[in-house]
Amino acid sequence: METFRIAAVQAAPVFLDLEATVDKACRLIESAARNGATLVAFPEAFIPGYPLWVWFIPPGKTHPLRALYSRLHANSISIPGPEVSRLGEAAGDLGVTVAIGVNEKNSEASSGTLYNTLLYLGADGRVLGKHRKLIPTAGERLVWGQAPGCDLEVFELPFGRLSGLLCWENYMPLARYALTAWGEQIHLAPTWDRGEPWISTMRHSAKEGRCFVVGACQAFHKGDVPDELDFKAEYLAELNDWINPGLSLIVDPDGKVVAGPLEKEE
């Protein structure tokens, strides 16, 4: 294949609503496919949302943290599971490869542990694999468990060799090296991060690894947090409307930005 199109999805989930977020993800997959995408890359923890409260609620405030964790857990997915089947059906019907960040319930042992997981779905609808974030960043450790790293993999696909790391895993040189050594050609970086240092990291990673890098982030507005969640009024009241402006981008192997950074402005 001489050319193909990558779609870096910059969108917000239906926050902490599993069914509605999967519906939205399927619509976004269809929209990207209709516009010629071969690969559709979603942000970190898109289903059912990034636990942004970890950066606003002090760790000692256990009651609101427990309530939010319980809601997140109730709306997270198992792999395999019915929501994965729905996403796979959308990918297979449209003939596109999908990589999407999810909150994953641990099915191997206690289901009380959640993982920040990057799920890969092939153009035939089957699960290609998954990668759990190695070390959650700072406050994220109140939500997600650590993973052993044995699921790092490069997928050989018709359009190229595909892999990725989640958010600040991209600041781990040995994790990047492993994927480079295995010959990845397209590197996905689903994230909640944004700003100039992150953009520079995407450009450096592309230049160093001689690969395309796709940074997909949510553009998340304070209005995307349901009013019913008490922490919105108590902890987000003084924030500007945009909690995260997105800044998704695609970089070529020379480190040149070829799409984005896309910022959702007020």
Protein backbone atom coordinates (compact mmCIF):
# COMPACT_ATOMS: atom_id res chain seq x y z
CA MET A 1 0.00 0.00 0.00
CA GLU A 2 1.59 3.27 -1.15
CA THR A 3 -0.57 5.59 0.94
CA PHE A 4 -3.12 5.28 3.69
CA ARG A 5 -4.89 7.62 6.08
CA ILE A 6 -4.62 7.76 9.87
CA ALA A 7 -7.38 9.30 11.97
CA ALA A 8 -6.32 10.69 15.37
CA VAL A 9 -9.58 11.05 17.25
CA GLN A 10 -9.83 14.18 19.40
CA ALA A 11 -13.12 13.91 21.25
CA ALA A 12 -14.55 13.57 24.74
CA PRO A 13 -16.35 10.46 25.96
CA VAL A 14 -19.77 10.49 27.54
CA PHE A 15 -18.09 10.76 30.90
CA LEU A 16 -18.42 7.63 33.06
CA ASP A 17 -21.24 6.25 30.90
CA LEU A 18 -20.07 2.98 29.35
CA GLU A 19 -22.92 2.29 26.94
CA ALA A 20 -23.16 5.85 25.65
CA THR A 21 -19.39 6.11 25.22
CA VAL A 22 -19.22 2.85 23.25
CA ASP A 23 -22.05 4.18 21.06
CA LYS A 24 -20.06 7.38 20.48
CA ALA A 25 -16.87 5.46 19.75
CA CYS A 26 -18.67 3.39 17.11
CA ARG A 27 -20.00 6.57 15.49
CA LEU A 28 -16.51 8.08 15.46
CA ILE A 29 -15.08 4.91 13.91
CA GLU A 30 -17.73 5.09 11.21
CA SER A 31 -17.04 8.79 10.57
CA ALA A 32 -13.29 8.18 10.28
CA ALA A 33 -13.83 5.22 7.95
CA ARG A 34 -16.21 7.20 5.74
CA ASN A 35 -13.47 9.80 5.41
CA GLY A 36 -10.97 7.23 4.21
CA ALA A 37 -9.13 6.23 7.39
CA THR A 38 -7.37 2.87 7.50
CA LEU A 39 -6.28 3.30 11.12
CA VAL A 40 -8.36 5.02 13.83
CA ALA A 41 -6.54 5.99 17.03
CA PHE A 42 -8.44 7.10 20.14
CA PRO A 43 -7.16 8.90 23.26
CA GLU A 44 -6.06 7.37 26.54
CA ALA A 45 -8.84 5.94 28.75
CA PHE A 46 -11.53 7.03 26.29
CA ILE A 47 -13.92 4.37 27.59
CA PRO A 48 -15.59 5.49 29.80
CA GLY A 49 -13.32 8.47 30.50
CA TYR A 50 -10.03 9.59 31.99
CA PRO A 51 -10.19 9.84 35.83
CA LEU A 52 -9.29 13.53 35.83
CA TRP A 53 -10.35 13.91 39.47
CA VAL A 54 -7.02 12.45 40.60
CA TRP A 55 -5.41 15.81 39.80
CA PHE A 56 -8.02 17.82 41.74
CA ILE A 57 -9.19 15.83 44.79
CA PRO A 58 -6.57 15.48 47.56
CA PRO A 59 -5.71 11.81 48.22
CA GLY A 60 -6.96 12.03 51.80
CA LYS A 61 -10.51 12.80 50.66
CA THR A 62 -11.44 9.14 50.58
CA HIS A 63 -15.22 9.42 50.38
CA PRO A 64 -15.46 11.31 47.06
CA LEU A 65 -12.58 9.24 45.67
CA ARG A 66 -14.35 5.99 46.55
CA ALA A 67 -17.61 7.15 45.00
CA LEU A 68 -15.92 8.13 41.76
CA TYR A 69 -13.85 4.94 41.63
CA SER A 70 -16.98 2.86 42.14
CA ARG A 71 -18.70 4.60 39.25
CA LEU A 72 -15.65 4.25 37.03
CA HIS A 73 -15.34 0.56 37.88
CA ALA A 74 -19.01 -0.08 37.16
CA ASN A 75 -18.60 1.49 33.72
CA SER A 76 -15.30 -0.16 32.77
CA ILE A 77 -14.90 -3.10 30.42
CA SER A 78 -13.61 -6.65 30.42
CA ILE A 79 -11.48 -8.01 27.57
CA PRO A 80 -13.06 -9.99 26.03
CA GLY A 81 -16.54 -8.68 26.73
CA PRO A 82 -19.72 -7.40 25.07
CA GLU A 83 -18.43 -3.85 24.61
CA VAL A 84 -15.27 -5.15 22.95
CA SER A 85 -17.45 -7.24 20.64
CA ARG A 86 -19.42 -4.15 19.65
CA LEU A 87 -16.27 -2.18 18.91
CA GLY A 88 -14.83 -5.13 16.98
CA GLU A 89 -18.01 -5.41 14.95
CA ALA A 90 -17.78 -1.73 14.02
CA ALA A 91 -14.13 -2.11 13.00
CA GLY A 92 -14.84 -5.29 11.02
CA ASP A 93 -17.92 -3.95 9.25
CA LEU A 94 -15.97 -0.89 8.12
CA GLY A 95 -12.67 -2.66 7.46
CA VAL A 96 -10.54 -0.38 9.68
CA THR A 97 -7.95 -1.02 12.37
CA VAL A 98 -8.82 0.61 15.71
CA ALA A 99 -6.68 1.40 18.75
CA ILE A 100 -8.65 2.73 21.71
CA GLY A 101 -7.82 3.56 25.31
CA VAL A 102 -10.05 1.83 27.86
CA ASN A 103 -10.41 1.29 31.57
CA GLU A 104 -10.10 -2.48 31.87
CA LYS A 105 -11.33 -4.67 34.71
CA ASN A 106 -8.84 -7.31 35.73
CA SER A 107 -10.27 -10.68 34.73
CA GLU A 108 -7.27 -12.79 35.81
CA ALA A 109 -7.69 -12.29 39.54
CA SER A 110 -9.59 -9.71 41.60
CA SER A 111 -11.86 -7.71 39.33
CA GLY A 112 -11.47 -4.80 41.73
CA THR A 113 -8.26 -3.73 39.99
CA LEU A 114 -8.54 -1.47 36.97
CA TYR A 115 -5.90 -1.04 34.27
CA ASN A 116 -5.25 1.77 31.84
CA THR A 117 -5.26 -0.31 28.65
CA LEU A 118 -4.68 0.28 24.95
CA LEU A 119 -6.89 -2.13 23.02
CA TYR A 120 -6.11 -3.06 19.40
CA LEU A 121 -8.83 -4.28 17.02
CA GLY A 122 -8.08 -5.53 13.53
CA ALA A 123 -9.87 -4.67 10.30
CA ASP A 124 -11.54 -8.07 10.51
CA GLY A 125 -13.02 -7.18 13.88
CA ARG A 126 -10.90 -9.49 16.02
CA VAL A 127 -8.85 -8.43 19.03
CA LEU A 128 -5.22 -8.12 17.95
CA GLY A 129 -3.95 -7.54 21.47
CA LYS A 130 -3.84 -5.11 24.36
CA HIS A 131 -1.25 -3.22 26.37
CA ARG A 132 -1.66 -2.18 29.99
CA LYS A 133 0.10 0.97 31.17
CA LEU A 134 3.28 -0.07 32.97
CA ILE A 135 3.36 2.55 35.71
CA PRO A 136 0.43 4.93 36.21
CA THR A 137 1.58 8.52 36.68
CA ALA A 138 1.42 10.06 40.16
CA GLY A 139 -2.23 10.44 41.20
CA GLU A 140 -3.30 7.86 38.60
CA ARG A 141 -2.00 5.20 41.02
CA LEU A 142 -5.10 5.78 43.13
CA VAL A 143 -7.10 4.36 40.21
CA TRP A 144 -5.01 2.01 38.07
CA GLY A 145 -2.81 -0.95 38.87
CA GLN A 146 0.75 -1.40 37.61
CA ALA A 147 1.37 -3.87 34.80
CA PRO A 148 4.36 -6.16 34.17
CA GLY A 149 5.10 -5.04 30.60
CA CYS A 150 4.94 -8.53 29.09
CA ASP A 151 2.19 -7.39 26.70
CA LEU A 152 4.36 -4.98 24.70
CA GLU A 153 4.02 -6.04 21.08
CA VAL A 154 4.38 -4.82 17.50
CA PHE A 155 1.59 -5.87 15.17
CA GLU A 156 2.38 -6.71 11.55
CA LEU A 157 -0.50 -5.24 9.52
CA PRO A 158 -1.04 -4.70 5.78
CA PHE A 159 -0.23 -0.99 6.05
CA GLY A 160 2.77 -1.31 8.40
CA ARG A 161 4.07 -2.42 11.78
CA LEU A 162 1.98 -0.86 14.56
CA SER A 163 2.50 -0.41 18.29
CA GLY A 164 2.22 2.20 21.00
CA LEU A 165 2.68 3.43 24.54
CA LEU A 166 0.25 5.24 26.82
CA CYS A 167 0.88 8.86 27.79
CA TRP A 168 3.94 9.19 30.04
CA GLU A 169 5.16 5.72 29.09
CA ASN A 170 6.54 7.66 26.13
CA TYR A 171 9.05 9.18 28.57
CA MET A 172 10.45 5.68 29.24
CA PRO A 173 13.46 5.29 26.90
CA LEU A 174 13.71 1.50 27.23
CA ALA A 175 10.02 0.98 26.45
CA ARG A 176 10.42 3.11 23.32
CA TYR A 177 13.62 1.26 22.45
CA ALA A 178 11.92 -2.13 22.67
CA LEU A 179 9.28 -1.14 20.13
CA THR A 180 11.88 0.46 17.87
CA ALA A 181 14.05 -2.66 18.03
CA TRP A 182 11.04 -4.74 17.01
CA GLY A 183 10.63 -2.58 13.93
CA GLU A 184 7.54 -0.47 14.60
CA GLN A 185 6.69 1.94 11.79
CA ILE A 186 3.63 3.61 13.32
CA HIS A 187 3.77 4.54 16.98
CA LEU A 188 0.58 5.43 18.84
CA ALA A 189 0.67 7.71 21.88
CA PRO A 190 -2.83 7.98 23.38
CA THR A 191 -2.62 10.56 26.15
CA TRP A 192 -4.16 13.02 28.57
CA ASP A 193 -1.03 15.20 28.33
CA ARG A 194 -0.73 18.27 26.17
CA GLY A 195 1.47 21.32 25.75
CA GLU A 196 4.85 22.13 24.23
CA PRO A 197 6.93 19.51 26.11
CA TRP A 198 4.54 16.79 24.96
CA ILE A 199 4.64 18.01 21.36
CA SER A 200 8.44 18.03 21.51
CA THR A 201 8.37 14.46 22.85
CA MET A 202 6.21 13.34 19.93
CA ARG A 203 8.61 14.95 17.45
CA HIS A 204 11.69 13.51 19.15
CA SER A 205 10.16 10.02 19.35
CA ALA A 206 9.36 10.10 15.64
CA LYS A 207 12.83 11.29 14.69
CA GLU A 208 14.59 8.85 17.01
CA GLY A 209 12.48 5.83 16.03
CA ARG A 210 12.22 6.80 12.34
CA CYS A 211 8.49 6.17 12.49
CA PHE A 212 5.19 8.00 12.31
CA VAL A 213 3.90 9.05 15.73
CA VAL A 214 0.23 9.67 16.49
CA GLY A 215 -0.60 11.62 19.63
CA ALA A 216 -4.35 11.37 20.34
CA CYS A 217 -5.79 13.35 23.24
CA GLN A 218 -9.24 14.27 24.50
CA ALA A 219 -10.55 17.80 24.08
CA PHE A 220 -12.45 17.87 27.35
CA HIS A 221 -14.76 20.68 28.45
CA LYS A 222 -15.96 21.23 32.01
CA GLY A 223 -19.46 20.80 30.62
CA ASP A 224 -18.55 17.19 29.78
CA VAL A 225 -18.60 16.39 33.50
CA PRO A 226 -22.18 15.62 34.58
CA ASP A 227 -23.62 18.11 37.07
CA GLU A 228 -24.76 15.19 39.23
CA LEU A 229 -21.14 14.51 40.19
CA ASP A 230 -20.49 16.49 43.37
CA PHE A 231 -16.79 16.91 42.67
CA LYS A 232 -17.60 19.18 39.69
CA ALA A 233 -18.98 21.95 41.88
CA GLU A 234 -16.56 21.40 44.74
CA TYR A 235 -13.26 20.97 42.88
CA LEU A 236 -13.72 22.30 39.34
CA ALA A 237 -15.59 25.53 40.06
CA GLU A 238 -12.61 27.82 39.46
CA LEU A 239 -11.44 26.14 36.26
CA ASN A 240 -11.79 27.66 32.84
CA ASP A 241 -14.25 25.95 30.51
CA TRP A 242 -11.67 23.71 28.81
CA ILE A 243 -10.02 21.26 31.18
CA ASN A 244 -7.97 19.83 28.32
CA PRO A 245 -7.62 21.53 24.90
CA GLY A 246 -6.45 18.35 23.16
CA LEU A 247 -3.50 19.24 20.95
CA SER A 248 -3.60 15.93 19.06
CA LEU A 249 -1.06 15.62 16.26
CA ILE A 250 0.65 13.32 13.78
CA VAL A 251 4.40 13.50 13.17
CA ASP A 252 6.42 12.00 10.32
CA PRO A 253 9.71 10.05 10.66
CA ASP A 254 11.72 13.26 10.17
CA GLY A 255 10.08 14.76 13.25
CA LYS A 256 7.92 17.14 11.21
CA VAL A 257 4.32 17.75 12.27
CA VAL A 258 2.06 16.76 9.38
CA ALA A 259 -1.30 17.18 11.14
CA GLY A 260 -2.21 19.33 14.15
CA PRO A 261 -1.59 20.16 16.91
CA LEU A 262 -5.35 20.61 17.02
CA GLU A 263 -6.53 22.80 19.86
CA LYS A 264 -10.14 23.07 20.88
CA GLU A 265 -10.46 26.72 21.79
CA GLU A 266 -13.17 28.38 23.84
